[in-house]
């Protein structure tokens, strides 16, 4: 009888210890998880609501400036026309030019053409006008070659990306870089921009939908997007090690408990 009481007492103690360790493990796991609200892009500032498919939640005017040609820009110009080959001084349908410090480019036979501070569409129209004096029904298409954006930090593919269009925003750049990692601090996104030989740093919060209304939401050539971490990787590794140890202890106690 005494032996049975002793085993029963030991059983209760082990059960209590197991429950305590299980509770600790559960708290560790919960503490290691990020809040869902820290991972959702462009959250509405209003209280949570029930969303319906195709329901318009909010309208935000976008500040998408047209890119204007600047000195040192590299342009790829496609020239098509109905001019006979023997009369066409553009030997190839495409040519690469660089904008000089005066905002000018040089075209064969035509000479210098000023395009500084014009949009890509305006530049196409101007070159079409000047080539129409020499070519029959010219059609001009221009591509900006030096629109590069660098994305660094907590993304899946860090690097420099050449953008085919002249409009890309912060979210598009992050998409080019393979998206954010789990350790990305969405409240602290920075864009470094060279403005008249001065480095300007802009900070953004991807959790707020008013980001879309920012004048700096759309990027400029050679912008650098920096995604800061929520915590150091060392801290993250320690957290993972702690979780692993806690799970090992819980598993061992569970095994011993079931053997009794």
Protein backbone atom coordinates (compact mmCIF):
# COMPACT_ATOMS: atom_id res chain seq x y z
CA UNK A 1 0.00 0.00 0.00
CA UNK A 2 2.83 2.35 0.90
CA UNK A 3 4.57 1.58 -2.41
CA UNK A 4 1.42 2.44 -4.35
CA UNK A 5 1.09 5.78 -2.54
CA UNK A 6 4.73 6.58 -3.28
CA UNK A 7 4.28 5.85 -7.00
CA UNK A 8 1.12 7.90 -7.05
CA UNK A 9 2.91 10.81 -5.38
CA UNK A 10 5.83 10.53 -7.86
CA UNK A 11 3.34 10.41 -10.74
CA UNK A 12 1.66 13.60 -9.59
CA UNK A 13 5.01 15.38 -9.22
CA UNK A 14 6.16 14.32 -12.69
CA UNK A 15 2.83 15.34 -14.18
CA UNK A 16 3.10 18.75 -12.53
CA UNK A 17 6.69 19.17 -13.75
CA UNK A 18 5.72 18.10 -17.25
CA UNK A 19 2.84 20.55 -17.35
CA UNK A 20 5.15 23.35 -16.19
CA UNK A 21 7.77 22.59 -18.82
CA UNK A 22 5.10 22.29 -21.50
CA UNK A 23 3.76 25.71 -20.52
CA UNK A 24 7.26 27.19 -20.73
CA UNK A 25 7.84 25.65 -24.16
CA UNK A 26 4.51 27.01 -25.36
CA UNK A 27 5.41 30.52 -24.14
CA UNK A 28 8.79 30.33 -25.88
CA UNK A 29 7.15 29.30 -29.15
CA UNK A 30 4.57 32.07 -28.90
CA UNK A 31 7.22 34.66 -28.10
CA UNK A 32 9.27 33.59 -31.10
CA UNK A 33 6.41 34.15 -33.53
CA UNK A 34 5.93 37.51 -35.22
CA UNK A 35 2.58 39.19 -34.96
CA UNK A 36 0.63 38.82 -38.17
CA UNK A 37 0.15 42.59 -38.26
CA UNK A 38 3.92 42.98 -38.53
CA UNK A 39 3.92 41.01 -41.78
CA UNK A 40 0.97 42.48 -43.70
CA UNK A 41 1.72 45.05 -46.39
CA UNK A 42 -0.26 48.31 -46.60
CA UNK A 43 -2.53 47.86 -43.62
CA UNK A 44 -5.62 50.00 -43.36
CA UNK A 45 -5.35 52.45 -40.45
CA UNK A 46 -9.02 51.93 -39.59
CA UNK A 47 -10.12 49.15 -37.19
CA UNK A 48 -10.20 45.67 -38.66
CA UNK A 49 -13.19 45.08 -40.88
CA UNK A 50 -14.67 42.20 -42.81
CA UNK A 51 -13.38 42.34 -46.38
CA UNK A 52 -15.38 41.27 -49.38
CA UNK A 53 -13.93 40.30 -52.75
CA UNK A 54 -13.91 43.18 -55.28
CA UNK A 55 -14.90 45.65 -52.58
CA UNK A 56 -13.20 49.04 -52.91
CA UNK A 57 -11.47 49.60 -49.58
CA UNK A 58 -9.74 52.91 -50.26
CA UNK A 59 -8.65 55.16 -53.13
CA UNK A 60 -5.21 56.75 -52.95
CA UNK A 61 -3.97 59.14 -55.67
CA UNK A 62 -0.54 58.07 -56.90
CA UNK A 63 2.33 60.54 -57.30
CA UNK A 64 3.99 58.97 -60.34
CA UNK A 65 6.27 61.56 -61.93
CA UNK A 66 7.36 61.20 -65.55
CA UNK A 67 11.09 60.58 -65.76
CA UNK A 68 12.99 63.39 -67.46
CA UNK A 69 16.19 62.88 -69.39
CA UNK A 70 19.35 63.94 -67.57
CA UNK A 71 23.05 64.29 -68.45
CA UNK A 72 24.92 60.95 -68.63
CA UNK A 73 21.70 59.06 -69.42
CA UNK A 74 22.19 56.27 -71.93
CA UNK A 75 19.43 55.92 -74.50
CA UNK A 76 18.74 53.18 -77.03
CA UNK A 77 16.99 54.76 -80.00
CA UNK A 78 15.06 52.65 -82.51
CA UNK A 79 14.54 54.43 -85.84
CA UNK A 80 12.10 52.96 -88.39
CA UNK A 81 11.10 54.63 -91.63
CA UNK A 82 9.97 54.03 -95.21
CA UNK A 83 13.18 55.53 -96.54
CA UNK A 84 15.10 53.43 -99.08
CA UNK A 85 18.23 51.84 -97.68
CA UNK A 86 20.55 53.76 -100.04
CA UNK A 87 19.11 57.04 -98.76
CA UNK A 88 18.86 56.08 -95.08
CA UNK A 89 21.88 57.39 -93.14
CA UNK A 90 20.89 55.31 -90.11
CA UNK A 91 22.83 52.20 -91.07
CA UNK A 92 21.16 50.19 -88.31
CA UNK A 93 17.59 50.48 -86.99
CA UNK A 94 18.95 51.09 -83.48
CA UNK A 95 21.69 53.19 -81.96
CA UNK A 96 22.93 53.91 -78.46
CA UNK A 97 23.64 57.51 -77.45
CA UNK A 98 24.72 59.27 -74.27
CA UNK A 99 23.33 62.59 -73.11
CA UNK A 100 26.13 65.11 -72.62
CA UNK A 101 26.46 67.77 -69.92
CA UNK A 102 24.44 70.21 -72.05
CA UNK A 103 21.52 67.79 -72.31
CA UNK A 104 22.26 67.02 -75.96
CA UNK A 105 22.76 63.92 -78.09
CA UNK A 106 24.34 63.71 -81.53
CA UNK A 107 22.66 61.95 -84.43
CA UNK A 108 24.26 61.07 -87.79
CA UNK A 109 23.95 63.90 -90.36
CA UNK A 110 21.45 65.75 -88.16
CA UNK A 111 24.00 66.69 -85.49
CA UNK A 112 23.22 67.89 -81.94
CA UNK A 113 19.67 67.58 -80.61
CA UNK A 114 18.77 69.03 -77.21
CA UNK A 115 16.60 66.68 -75.15
CA UNK A 116 17.55 67.55 -71.55
CA UNK A 117 14.60 67.72 -69.12
CA UNK A 118 12.25 66.11 -71.65
CA UNK A 119 10.28 62.97 -70.82
CA UNK A 120 10.93 59.83 -72.86
CA UNK A 121 7.73 60.43 -74.85
CA UNK A 122 8.68 64.06 -75.50
CA UNK A 123 12.15 62.95 -76.60
CA UNK A 124 10.65 60.44 -79.04
CA UNK A 125 8.44 63.16 -80.51
CA UNK A 126 11.31 65.63 -80.87
CA UNK A 127 13.59 63.15 -82.63
CA UNK A 128 10.70 62.19 -84.86
CA UNK A 129 10.31 65.84 -85.87
CA UNK A 130 13.99 66.40 -86.68
CA UNK A 131 14.38 63.11 -88.58
CA UNK A 132 11.20 63.78 -90.61
CA UNK A 133 13.20 66.38 -92.55
CA UNK A 134 15.44 63.59 -93.85
CA UNK A 135 13.47 60.33 -93.56
CA UNK A 136 10.10 59.25 -94.87
CA UNK A 137 7.48 58.61 -92.17
CA UNK A 138 9.94 58.02 -89.31
CA UNK A 139 8.84 56.22 -86.18
CA UNK A 140 10.96 56.55 -83.03
CA UNK A 141 11.09 54.38 -79.94
CA UNK A 142 13.46 55.09 -77.04
CA UNK A 143 14.53 52.93 -74.13
CA UNK A 144 16.40 54.23 -71.07
CA UNK A 145 19.34 51.88 -70.51
CA UNK A 146 20.72 53.13 -67.20
CA UNK A 147 17.62 52.75 -65.01
CA UNK A 148 19.25 50.56 -62.36
CA UNK A 149 17.95 49.99 -58.85
CA UNK A 150 19.93 48.28 -56.09
CA UNK A 151 18.13 46.37 -53.33
CA UNK A 152 20.12 45.39 -50.22
CA UNK A 153 19.42 43.83 -46.85
CA UNK A 154 16.59 41.51 -45.85
CA UNK A 155 15.45 40.36 -49.30
CA UNK A 156 15.82 36.96 -50.91
CA UNK A 157 17.95 38.16 -53.84
CA UNK A 158 20.15 41.15 -53.12
CA UNK A 159 21.58 42.90 -56.14
CA UNK A 160 21.34 45.59 -58.78
CA UNK A 161 18.45 45.33 -61.24
CA UNK A 162 18.03 46.97 -64.64
CA UNK A 163 14.48 48.23 -64.99
CA UNK A 164 12.92 48.00 -68.45
CA UNK A 165 10.29 50.66 -67.80
CA UNK A 166 10.82 54.20 -66.50
CA UNK A 167 8.36 53.67 -63.66
CA UNK A 168 8.96 51.33 -60.76
CA UNK A 169 7.97 51.76 -57.13
CA UNK A 170 9.37 50.42 -53.88
CA UNK A 171 7.11 47.37 -53.88
CA UNK A 172 8.11 46.57 -57.46
CA UNK A 173 11.80 46.75 -56.55
CA UNK A 174 11.28 44.42 -53.59
CA UNK A 175 9.45 42.04 -55.92
CA UNK A 176 12.40 42.11 -58.34
CA UNK A 177 14.61 41.11 -55.39
CA UNK A 178 12.48 38.06 -54.59
CA UNK A 179 10.48 39.58 -51.74
CA UNK A 180 11.32 40.19 -48.10
CA UNK A 181 12.81 37.67 -45.70
CA UNK A 182 11.06 36.74 -42.44
CA UNK A 183 13.51 38.97 -40.56
CA UNK A 184 12.76 42.13 -42.58
CA UNK A 185 11.71 45.19 -40.63
CA UNK A 186 8.79 46.44 -42.72
CA UNK A 187 8.61 49.61 -40.64
CA UNK A 188 12.12 50.68 -41.57
CA UNK A 189 12.65 50.69 -45.34
CA UNK A 190 15.13 53.27 -46.61
CA UNK A 191 15.80 54.69 -50.06
CA UNK A 192 19.14 56.38 -50.73
CA UNK A 193 19.04 58.80 -53.67
CA UNK A 194 21.67 61.01 -55.30
CA UNK A 195 20.15 64.45 -55.78
CA UNK A 196 22.54 67.05 -57.20
CA UNK A 197 25.56 65.24 -55.73
CA UNK A 198 23.89 65.05 -52.32
CA UNK A 199 22.84 61.72 -50.81
CA UNK A 200 19.29 61.97 -49.49
CA UNK A 201 17.77 59.22 -47.36
CA UNK A 202 14.02 58.62 -47.30
CA UNK A 203 12.35 56.27 -44.81
CA UNK A 204 9.16 54.28 -45.44
CA UNK A 205 6.82 52.01 -43.51
CA UNK A 206 5.40 49.19 -45.64
CA UNK A 207 2.74 48.49 -43.02
CA UNK A 208 0.96 51.76 -43.77
CA UNK A 209 -1.13 52.12 -46.91
CA UNK A 210 -0.48 55.87 -47.08
CA UNK A 211 2.95 54.86 -48.40
CA UNK A 212 1.28 54.83 -51.82
CA UNK A 213 0.65 58.58 -51.61
CA UNK A 214 4.31 59.44 -50.98
CA UNK A 215 6.14 61.55 -53.54
CA UNK A 216 9.08 59.15 -53.20
CA UNK A 217 7.07 55.93 -53.64
CA UNK A 218 8.29 55.72 -57.25
CA UNK A 219 12.03 55.19 -57.61
CA UNK A 220 14.62 57.03 -59.68
CA UNK A 221 17.59 55.56 -61.59
CA UNK A 222 20.43 54.43 -59.32
CA UNK A 223 18.29 54.50 -56.17
CA UNK A 224 19.42 52.14 -53.41
CA UNK A 225 16.69 50.42 -51.39
CA UNK A 226 17.84 49.16 -47.98
CA UNK A 227 15.73 46.67 -46.02
CA UNK A 228 16.80 46.69 -42.38
CA UNK A 229 16.42 43.62 -40.14
CA UNK A 230 14.06 43.39 -37.17
CA UNK A 231 16.82 41.87 -35.09
CA UNK A 232 20.36 40.62 -35.56
CA UNK A 233 20.85 37.17 -37.07
CA UNK A 234 22.77 36.21 -33.93
CA UNK A 235 19.68 36.89 -31.83
CA UNK A 236 17.59 34.90 -34.27
CA UNK A 237 20.01 31.97 -34.11
CA UNK A 238 19.95 32.05 -30.29
CA UNK A 239 16.16 32.06 -30.37
CA UNK A 240 16.12 29.04 -32.67
CA UNK A 241 18.61 27.23 -30.42
CA UNK A 242 16.44 27.98 -27.37
CA UNK A 243 13.36 26.65 -29.10
CA UNK A 244 15.22 23.49 -30.11
CA UNK A 245 16.45 22.91 -26.56
CA UNK A 246 12.98 23.49 -25.10
CA UNK A 247 11.42 21.04 -27.56
CA UNK A 248 14.09 18.44 -26.75
CA UNK A 249 13.40 18.74 -23.00
CA UNK A 250 9.66 18.52 -23.56
CA UNK A 251 10.06 15.43 -25.76
CA UNK A 252 12.30 13.73 -23.18
CA UNK A 253 9.90 14.44 -20.31
CA UNK A 254 6.97 13.25 -22.38
CA UNK A 255 8.79 9.98 -23.05
CA UNK A 256 9.65 9.49 -19.36
CA UNK A 257 6.14 10.44 -18.31
CA UNK A 258 4.52 7.89 -20.61
CA UNK A 259 6.88 5.17 -19.39
CA UNK A 260 5.62 5.55 -15.82
